[in-house]
Amino acid sequence: VTPYTDKIIAEYVWIGGTGIDVRSKSRT
């Protein structure tokens, strides 16, 4: 989509409650 928009997708990654699980969600 780069030629059509300056917008990007950022995948936010963090550590969950077990201390070993990785979680993530996306935003524009």
PDB file of all heavy atoms in Angstrom:
ATOM      1  N   VAL A   1       0.817  -1.213   0.000  1.00  0.00           N
ATOM      2  CA  VAL A   1       0.000   0.000   0.000  1.00  0.00           C
ATOM      3  C   VAL A   1       0.854   1.268   0.000  1.00  0.00           C
ATOM      4  O   VAL A   1       0.317   2.380  -0.054  1.00  0.00           O
ATOM      5  CB  VAL A   1      -0.957   0.021   1.216  1.00  0.00           C
ATOM      6  CG1 VAL A   1      -1.886  -1.184   1.194  1.00  0.00           C
ATOM      7  CG2 VAL A   1      -0.178   0.068   2.527  1.00  0.00           C
ATOM      8  N   THR A   2       2.180   1.117   0.040  1.00  0.00           N
ATOM      9  CA  THR A   2       3.068   2.279   0.180  1.00  0.00           C
ATOM     10  C   THR A   2       2.876   3.331  -0.913  1.00  0.00           C
ATOM     11  O   THR A   2       2.902   4.533  -0.609  1.00  0.00           O
ATOM     12  CB  THR A   2       4.541   1.812   0.204  1.00  0.00           C
ATOM     13  OG1 THR A   2       4.693   0.784   1.185  1.00  0.00           O
ATOM     14  CG2 THR A   2       5.479   2.959   0.538  1.00  0.00           C
ATOM     15  N   PRO A   3       2.677   2.950  -2.181  1.00  0.00           N
ATOM     16  CA  PRO A   3       2.509   3.995  -3.200  1.00  0.00           C
ATOM     17  C   PRO A   3       1.214   4.794  -3.051  1.00  0.00           C
ATOM     18  O   PRO A   3       1.071   5.844  -3.687  1.00  0.00           O
ATOM     19  CB  PRO A   3       2.512   3.197  -4.517  1.00  0.00           C
ATOM     20  CG  PRO A   3       3.141   1.885  -4.192  1.00  0.00           C
ATOM     21  CD  PRO A   3       2.737   1.597  -2.785  1.00  0.00           C
ATOM     22  N   TYR A   4       0.275   4.315  -2.245  1.00  0.00           N
ATOM     23  CA  TYR A   4      -1.049   4.925  -2.207  1.00  0.00           C
ATOM     24  C   TYR A   4      -1.349   5.684  -0.914  1.00  0.00           C
ATOM     25  O   TYR A   4      -2.320   6.430  -0.854  1.00  0.00           O
ATOM     26  CB  TYR A   4      -2.105   3.829  -2.411  1.00  0.00           C
ATOM     27  CG  TYR A   4      -1.825   2.971  -3.615  1.00  0.00           C
ATOM     28  CD1 TYR A   4      -1.334   1.683  -3.454  1.00  0.00           C
ATOM     29  CD2 TYR A   4      -2.012   3.462  -4.909  1.00  0.00           C
ATOM     30  CE1 TYR A   4      -1.047   0.892  -4.562  1.00  0.00           C
ATOM     31  CE2 TYR A   4      -1.726   2.678  -6.020  1.00  0.00           C
ATOM     32  CZ  TYR A   4      -1.242   1.394  -5.837  1.00  0.00           C
ATOM     33  OH  TYR A   4      -0.956   0.627  -6.936  1.00  0.00           O
ATOM     34  N   THR A   5      -0.533   5.470   0.113  1.00  0.00           N
ATOM     35  CA  THR A   5      -0.797   6.148   1.381  1.00  0.00           C
ATOM     36  C   THR A   5       0.482   6.254   2.198  1.00  0.00           C
ATOM     37  O   THR A   5       1.389   5.412   2.058  1.00  0.00           O
ATOM     38  CB  THR A   5      -1.852   5.391   2.199  1.00  0.00           C
ATOM     39  OG1 THR A   5      -2.075   6.070   3.438  1.00  0.00           O
ATOM     40  CG2 THR A   5      -1.410   3.973   2.508  1.00  0.00           C
ATOM     41  N   ASP A   6       0.566   7.275   3.020  1.00  0.00           N
ATOM     42  CA  ASP A   6       1.685   7.410   3.953  1.00  0.00           C
ATOM     43  C   ASP A   6       1.432   6.644   5.242  1.00  0.00           C
ATOM     44  O   ASP A   6       2.332   6.502   6.064  1.00  0.00           O
ATOM     45  CB  ASP A   6       1.924   8.890   4.289  1.00  0.00           C
ATOM     46  CG  ASP A   6       2.532   9.659   3.114  1.00  0.00           C
ATOM     47  OD1 ASP A   6       3.236   9.020   2.308  1.00  0.00           O
ATOM     48  OD2 ASP A   6       2.300  10.880   3.015  1.00  0.00           O
ATOM     49  N   LYS A   7       0.207   6.165   5.410  1.00  0.00           N
ATOM     50  CA  LYS A   7      -0.140   5.480   6.650  1.00  0.00           C
ATOM     51  C   LYS A   7       0.581   4.139   6.757  1.00  0.00           C
ATOM     52  O   LYS A   7       0.844   3.479   5.751  1.00  0.00           O
ATOM     53  CB  LYS A   7      -1.652   5.270   6.727  1.00  0.00           C
ATOM     54  CG  LYS A   7      -2.440   6.568   6.838  1.00  0.00           C
ATOM     55  CD  LYS A   7      -3.934   6.311   6.876  1.00  0.00           C
ATOM     56  CE  LYS A   7      -4.700   7.627   6.998  1.00  0.00           C
ATOM     57  NZ  LYS A   7      -6.169   7.397   7.034  1.00  0.00           N
ATOM     58  N   ILE A   8       0.900   3.759   7.987  1.00  0.00           N
ATOM     59  CA  ILE A   8       1.556   2.476   8.232  1.00  0.00           C
ATOM     60  C   ILE A   8       0.778   1.724   9.315  1.00  0.00           C
ATOM     61  O   ILE A   8      -0.062   2.294  10.013  1.00  0.00           O
ATOM     62  CB  ILE A   8       3.023   2.643   8.685  1.00  0.00           C
ATOM     63  CG1 ILE A   8       3.088   3.357  10.053  1.00  0.00           C
ATOM     64  CG2 ILE A   8       3.828   3.391   7.640  1.00  0.00           C
ATOM     65  CD1 ILE A   8       4.447   3.306  10.713  1.00  0.00           C
ATOM     66  N   ILE A   9       1.083   0.444   9.443  1.00  0.00           N
ATOM     67  CA  ILE A   9       0.501  -0.377  10.511  1.00  0.00           C
ATOM     68  C   ILE A   9       1.575  -0.622  11.566  1.00  0.00           C
ATOM     69  O   ILE A   9       2.670  -1.086  11.254  1.00  0.00           O
ATOM     70  CB  ILE A   9      -0.017  -1.720   9.971  1.00  0.00           C
ATOM     71  CG1 ILE A   9      -1.067  -1.493   8.876  1.00  0.00           C
ATOM     72  CG2 ILE A   9      -0.592  -2.566  11.102  1.00  0.00           C
ATOM     73  CD1 ILE A   9      -1.488  -2.764   8.158  1.00  0.00           C
ATOM     74  N   ALA A  10       1.255  -0.296  12.804  1.00  0.00           N
ATOM     75  CA  ALA A  10       2.146  -0.550  13.927  1.00  0.00           C
ATOM     76  C   ALA A  10       1.557  -1.678  14.770  1.00  0.00           C
ATOM     77  O   ALA A  10       0.413  -1.580  15.228  1.00  0.00           O
ATOM     78  CB  ALA A  10       2.327   0.706  14.774  1.00  0.00           C
ATOM     79  N   GLU A  11       2.308  -2.750  14.931  1.00  0.00           N
ATOM     80  CA  GLU A  11       1.890  -3.876  15.766  1.00  0.00           C
ATOM     81  C   GLU A  11       2.494  -3.690  17.149  1.00  0.00           C
ATOM     82  O   GLU A  11       3.702  -3.827  17.339  1.00  0.00           O
ATOM     83  CB  GLU A  11       2.356  -5.201  15.157  1.00  0.00           C
ATOM     84  CG  GLU A  11       1.771  -6.435  15.817  1.00  0.00           C
ATOM     85  CD  GLU A  11       0.328  -6.700  15.422  1.00  0.00           C
ATOM     86  OE1 GLU A  11      -0.120  -6.183  14.375  1.00  0.00           O
ATOM     87  OE2 GLU A  11      -0.350  -7.441  16.167  1.00  0.00           O
ATOM     88  N   TYR A  12       1.642  -3.310  18.126  1.00  0.00           N
ATOM     89  CA  TYR A  12       2.102  -3.103  19.492  1.00  0.00           C
ATOM     90  C   TYR A  12       2.225  -4.462  20.189  1.00  0.00           C
ATOM     91  O   TYR A  12       1.263  -5.219  20.272  1.00  0.00           O
ATOM     92  CB  TYR A  12       1.114  -2.227  20.254  1.00  0.00           C
ATOM     93  CG  TYR A  12       1.212  -0.741  19.978  1.00  0.00           C
ATOM     94  CD1 TYR A  12       1.284  -0.239  18.678  1.00  0.00           C
ATOM     95  CD2 TYR A  12       1.220   0.181  21.027  1.00  0.00           C
ATOM     96  CE1 TYR A  12       1.363   1.122  18.437  1.00  0.00           C
ATOM     97  CE2 TYR A  12       1.300   1.554  20.787  1.00  0.00           C
ATOM     98  CZ  TYR A  12       1.373   2.020  19.499  1.00  0.00           C
ATOM     99  OH  TYR A  12       1.458   3.371  19.263  1.00  0.00           O
ATOM    100  N   VAL A  13       3.416  -4.776  20.688  1.00  0.00           N
ATOM    101  CA  VAL A  13       3.713  -6.068  21.315  1.00  0.00           C
ATOM    102  C   VAL A  13       4.003  -5.848  22.793  1.00  0.00           C
ATOM    103  O   VAL A  13       4.728  -4.919  23.157  1.00  0.00           O
ATOM    104  CB  VAL A  13       4.924  -6.734  20.637  1.00  0.00           C
ATOM    105  CG1 VAL A  13       5.236  -8.085  21.279  1.00  0.00           C
ATOM    106  CG2 VAL A  13       4.685  -6.897  19.134  1.00  0.00           C
ATOM    107  N   TRP A  14       3.425  -6.706  23.648  1.00  0.00           N
ATOM    108  CA  TRP A  14       3.719  -6.619  25.071  1.00  0.00           C
ATOM    109  C   TRP A  14       3.699  -8.003  25.706  1.00  0.00           C
ATOM    110  O   TRP A  14       3.319  -8.983  25.069  1.00  0.00           O
ATOM    111  CB  TRP A  14       2.741  -5.676  25.781  1.00  0.00           C
ATOM    112  CG  TRP A  14       1.334  -6.201  25.926  1.00  0.00           C
ATOM    113  CD1 TRP A  14       0.796  -6.863  26.995  1.00  0.00           C
ATOM    114  CD2 TRP A  14       0.254  -6.073  24.970  1.00  0.00           C
ATOM    115  NE1 TRP A  14      -0.524  -7.166  26.781  1.00  0.00           N
ATOM    116  CE2 TRP A  14      -0.895  -6.694  25.544  1.00  0.00           C
ATOM    117  CE3 TRP A  14       0.148  -5.512  23.695  1.00  0.00           C
ATOM    118  CZ2 TRP A  14      -2.113  -6.754  24.879  1.00  0.00           C
ATOM    119  CZ3 TRP A  14      -1.077  -5.577  23.030  1.00  0.00           C
ATOM    120  CH2 TRP A  14      -2.180  -6.195  23.631  1.00  0.00           C
ATOM    121  N   ILE A  15       4.113  -8.086  26.969  1.00  0.00           N
ATOM    122  CA  ILE A  15       4.180  -9.349  27.704  1.00  0.00           C
ATOM    123  C   ILE A  15       2.926  -9.472  28.560  1.00  0.00           C
ATOM    124  O   ILE A  15       2.555  -8.539  29.279  1.00  0.00           O
ATOM    125  CB  ILE A  15       5.441  -9.394  28.583  1.00  0.00           C
ATOM    126  CG1 ILE A  15       6.689  -9.218  27.703  1.00  0.00           C
ATOM    127  CG2 ILE A  15       5.524 -10.702  29.362  1.00  0.00           C
ATOM    128  CD1 ILE A  15       7.892  -8.718  28.446  1.00  0.00           C
ATOM    129  N   GLY A  16       2.284 -10.642  28.503  1.00  0.00           N
ATOM    130  CA  GLY A  16       1.034 -10.858  29.217  1.00  0.00           C
ATOM    131  C   GLY A  16       1.226 -11.274  30.660  1.00  0.00           C
ATOM    132  O   GLY A  16       2.330 -11.239  31.218  1.00  0.00           O
ATOM    133  N   GLY A  17       0.142 -11.716  31.261  1.00  0.00           N
ATOM    134  CA  GLY A  17       0.093 -11.957  32.697  1.00  0.00           C
ATOM    135  C   GLY A  17       0.902 -13.133  33.194  1.00  0.00           C
ATOM    136  O   GLY A  17       1.262 -13.174  34.378  1.00  0.00           O
ATOM    137  N   THR A  18       1.205 -14.106  32.332  1.00  0.00           N
ATOM    138  CA  THR A  18       2.013 -15.238  32.791  1.00  0.00           C
ATOM    139  C   THR A  18       3.485 -14.872  32.893  1.00  0.00           C
ATOM    140  O   THR A  18       4.267 -15.605  33.496  1.00  0.00           O
ATOM    141  CB  THR A  18       1.885 -16.447  31.847  1.00  0.00           C
ATOM    142  OG1 THR A  18       2.486 -16.121  30.579  1.00  0.00           O
ATOM    143  CG2 THR A  18       0.427 -16.834  31.644  1.00  0.00           C
ATOM    144  N   GLY A  19       3.866 -13.756  32.286  1.00  0.00           N
ATOM    145  CA  GLY A  19       5.270 -13.355  32.269  1.00  0.00           C
ATOM    146  C   GLY A  19       6.054 -13.968  31.140  1.00  0.00           C
ATOM    147  O   GLY A  19       7.219 -13.634  30.935  1.00  0.00           O
ATOM    148  N   ILE A  20       5.436 -14.858  30.369  1.00  0.00           N
ATOM    149  CA  ILE A  20       6.116 -15.499  29.249  1.00  0.00           C
ATOM    150  C   ILE A  20       5.303 -15.402  27.961  1.00  0.00           C
ATOM    151  O   ILE A  20       5.826 -15.603  26.859  1.00  0.00           O
ATOM    152  CB  ILE A  20       6.435 -16.981  29.576  1.00  0.00           C
ATOM    153  CG1 ILE A  20       7.420 -17.575  28.564  1.00  0.00           C
ATOM    154  CG2 ILE A  20       5.170 -17.818  29.648  1.00  0.00           C
ATOM    155  CD1 ILE A  20       8.765 -16.924  28.559  1.00  0.00           C
ATOM    156  N   ASP A  21       4.017 -15.072  28.054  1.00  0.00           N
ATOM    157  CA  ASP A  21       3.179 -14.976  26.856  1.00  0.00           C
ATOM    158  C   ASP A  21       3.328 -13.600  26.214  1.00  0.00           C
ATOM    159  O   ASP A  21       3.379 -12.578  26.883  1.00  0.00           O
ATOM    160  CB  ASP A  21       1.710 -15.255  27.177  1.00  0.00           C
ATOM    161  CG  ASP A  21       1.170 -14.355  28.283  1.00  0.00           C
ATOM    162  OD1 ASP A  21       1.895 -14.112  29.270  1.00  0.00           O
ATOM    163  OD2 ASP A  21       0.015 -13.891  28.170  1.00  0.00           O
ATOM    164  N   VAL A  22       3.408 -13.568  24.883  1.00  0.00           N
ATOM    165  CA  VAL A  22       3.472 -12.305  24.160  1.00  0.00           C
ATOM    166  C   VAL A  22       2.107 -12.032  23.536  1.00  0.00           C
ATOM    167  O   VAL A  22       1.476 -12.915  22.959  1.00  0.00           O
ATOM    168  CB  VAL A  22       4.573 -12.316  23.080  1.00  0.00           C
ATOM    169  CG1 VAL A  22       5.936 -12.082  23.704  1.00  0.00           C
ATOM    170  CG2 VAL A  22       4.579 -13.594  22.272  1.00  0.00           C
ATOM    171  N   ARG A  23       1.664 -10.809  23.671  1.00  0.00           N
ATOM    172  CA  ARG A  23       0.383 -10.358  23.111  1.00  0.00           C
ATOM    173  C   ARG A  23       0.660  -9.228  22.120  1.00  0.00           C
ATOM    174  O   ARG A  23       1.702  -8.560  22.202  1.00  0.00           O
ATOM    175  CB  ARG A  23      -0.536  -9.851  24.224  1.00  0.00           C
ATOM    176  CG  ARG A  23      -0.706 -10.790  25.421  1.00  0.00           C
ATOM    177  CD  ARG A  23      -1.552 -11.989  25.095  1.00  0.00           C
ATOM    178  NE  ARG A  23      -1.754 -12.862  26.249  1.00  0.00           N
ATOM    179  CZ  ARG A  23      -2.945 -13.179  26.760  1.00  0.00           C
ATOM    180  NH1 ARG A  23      -4.057 -12.698  26.206  1.00  0.00           N
ATOM    181  NH2 ARG A  23      -3.038 -13.993  27.796  1.00  0.00           N
ATOM    182  N   SER A  24      -0.284  -8.976  21.229  1.00  0.00           N
ATOM    183  CA  SER A  24      -0.106  -7.850  20.310  1.00  0.00           C
ATOM    184  C   SER A  24      -1.440  -7.427  19.720  1.00  0.00           C
ATOM    185  O   SER A  24      -2.388  -8.223  19.656  1.00  0.00           O
ATOM    186  CB  SER A  24       0.860  -8.213  19.179  1.00  0.00           C
ATOM    187  OG  SER A  24       0.256  -9.089  18.244  1.00  0.00           O
ATOM    188  N   LYS A  25      -1.505  -6.189  19.298  1.00  0.00           N
ATOM    189  CA  LYS A  25      -2.630  -5.694  18.501  1.00  0.00           C
ATOM    190  C   LYS A  25      -2.138  -4.549  17.623  1.00  0.00           C
ATOM    191  O   LYS A  25      -1.094  -3.944  17.879  1.00  0.00           O
ATOM    192  CB  LYS A  25      -3.807  -5.279  19.376  1.00  0.00           C
ATOM    193  CG  LYS A  25      -3.554  -4.143  20.347  1.00  0.00           C
ATOM    194  CD  LYS A  25      -4.868  -3.813  21.076  1.00  0.00           C
ATOM    195  CE  LYS A  25      -4.729  -2.608  21.984  1.00  0.00           C
ATOM    196  NZ  LYS A  25      -6.031  -2.187  22.537  1.00  0.00           N
ATOM    197  N   SER A  26      -2.913  -4.262  16.567  1.00  0.00           N
ATOM    198  CA  SER A  26      -2.465  -3.353  15.514  1.00  0.00           C
ATOM    199  C   SER A  26      -3.216  -2.034  15.553  1.00  0.00           C
ATOM    200  O   SER A  26      -4.374  -1.975  15.966  1.00  0.00           O
ATOM    201  CB  SER A  26      -2.681  -3.994  14.140  1.00  0.00           C
ATOM    202  OG  SER A  26      -2.217  -5.319  14.113  1.00  0.00           O
ATOM    203  N   ARG A  27      -2.542  -0.993  15.085  1.00  0.00           N
ATOM    204  CA  ARG A  27      -3.215   0.285  14.874  1.00  0.00           C
ATOM    205  C   ARG A  27      -2.568   1.020  13.704  1.00  0.00           C
ATOM    206  O   ARG A  27      -1.407   0.787  13.364  1.00  0.00           O
ATOM    207  CB  ARG A  27      -3.186   1.150  16.126  1.00  0.00           C
ATOM    208  CG  ARG A  27      -1.845   1.738  16.495  1.00  0.00           C
ATOM    209  CD  ARG A  27      -1.955   2.641  17.728  1.00  0.00           C
ATOM    210  NE  ARG A  27      -2.814   3.790  17.501  1.00  0.00           N
ATOM    211  CZ  ARG A  27      -3.284   4.575  18.482  1.00  0.00           C
ATOM    212  NH1 ARG A  27      -2.991   4.300  19.742  1.00  0.00           N
ATOM    213  NH2 ARG A  27      -4.046   5.614  18.211  1.00  0.00           N
ATOM    214  N   THR A  28      -3.340   1.911  13.096  1.00  0.00           N
ATOM    215  CA  THR A  28      -2.852   2.699  11.972  1.00  0.00           C
ATOM    216  C   THR A  28      -2.173   3.966  12.488  1.00  0.00           C
ATOM    217  O   THR A  28      -2.708   4.663  13.355  1.00  0.00           O
ATOM    218  CB  THR A  28      -4.008   3.075  11.037  1.00  0.00           C
ATOM    219  OG1 THR A  28      -4.647   1.869  10.582  1.00  0.00           O
ATOM    220  CG2 THR A  28      -3.506   3.860   9.837  1.00  0.00           C
TER     221      THR A  28
END
